[in-house]
Amino acid sequence: MVAPNLNSKDYYQILGCSRDADESALKKAYRKLAVKWHPDKNVDSQEATTNFQKVSEAYATLSDPKKRQMYDQYGEEGVKAHEAGADMPGGGMGGFGGFPGGHGGGMGGMSPEEAQQFFAHAFGGGDPFGGMFGMGGMGGGGPGIRFSSSMGGGGDPFGGGGFGGGDPFSSFLGGGGMGGSMRGSGMGGHGMRGHPGMRSPSVAKQYDVIPQGTIVSLKGLVNKSNLNGDRGVVKQYISQSKRYVVELEDSDETLSVKPENLLQHVHVRIHDIQSQPELNGETGTIITWCPDKGRYSIYVASLKKFVSLKPCNVVLDSGTVAKVTGVESKPELNGRWGTIKNWVSESNKYDVQLSSNQIIRLKVENMIL
């Protein structure tokens, strides 16, 4: 798979696909790029909006067999003529990719609104943000959230252990080990797979470390700014350097990344929205954090929409590791990371484990990804 070229006018090059790519490869490429450049993930970025339109238009054309045939034979003008109903092989009327409301072909022909509508249409009721490596839907590794009225715990309102069990990355990463090379990570190029017959040494639980298997996006990188917005999965934490080893999506490349350069795409439950009570109880995936607004952008797959919410209205999944912030009574806690153990609904607080012998209770707005 070649690298996408968003400066190209060629639809295949934009998606980073060969001209003989099948529908599965095209959709996978579109999903990856659309998630990276989605306007709701890149607030107030004209570059992201433009790139989102480009990849949506490219996939809308290539995912339609007749339009793809026209494009392969006659190029951009062939698609325009096809949509205009010209007398050409396979000619006829239709919007982008058979999606109602599309306008003429060619770069710049799809409006931002149409790109958003096409994105929602392309993935149906699934969550394109909630999985990786060909794994769709809301399923994900990690424990389900526990709700309690006291420290003792309680029932799981999601049923069956929360948002789904199993490791959504196992089919891609071989079910364990580091997988892939350590290229670009500065880790010496060696994997972490165990030797047959050897028993792995026990490792003490680290409550201030993002769990392996967590889906993340890269942000704020300076030396490799072209990777900002790319997604990956946390494979390991290196305590000596205080960095995470992240394996990039659809790649064997791994990077060594500081915690502040990671955004976790974890699952949440919406809570106590007074102005839109119909949202309460809905589940979604965190897409981005807007520090200037102090809000998360969350994709709610069941509604096919994004919502912008304050941390006090978002219940993070149990097992999520987040940073303590804004605690005035004990400012020494600010900046520390801890694992969310459970949510206490009556007080809208989390029980947070900072270490093996320290659990504290904090307001939900004091735990930020």
Foldseek 3Di string as FASTA:
>chain_A
DADADLVDQQLCNNLRHDLPDDLVSLVQSLLQLLLLLPCLLVPPDPVSLLSLQSNLLSSLQCLAVLSSVQCVVPNQVSQQCLCVQHPDVSRDHAARNNDPPHDGHGRPRAHSVNSLVSVLVVQPLKDSLQAADPQIHVAAADFFFWEDQDPPTDDGPCPPGHRHHDHRCCVPQVNDWQRFFAPAAPPPTDTGDDDPPDDDDDDDDAFQDFDWRFKKAFDDDDVPRVRGSFIFTFRDADVVVQWTWTQTGPHSYTYTHHPVGIDTFFKKAFDDDPVCCVRHRFMWTFSHADVVVQWTWTQGSNVSDIDTGHQLGIGTTFQGKFAFDDDPVCVVRGGTIWTFHHANVVQQWTFTDRDPPDTDIGHRNRTHD
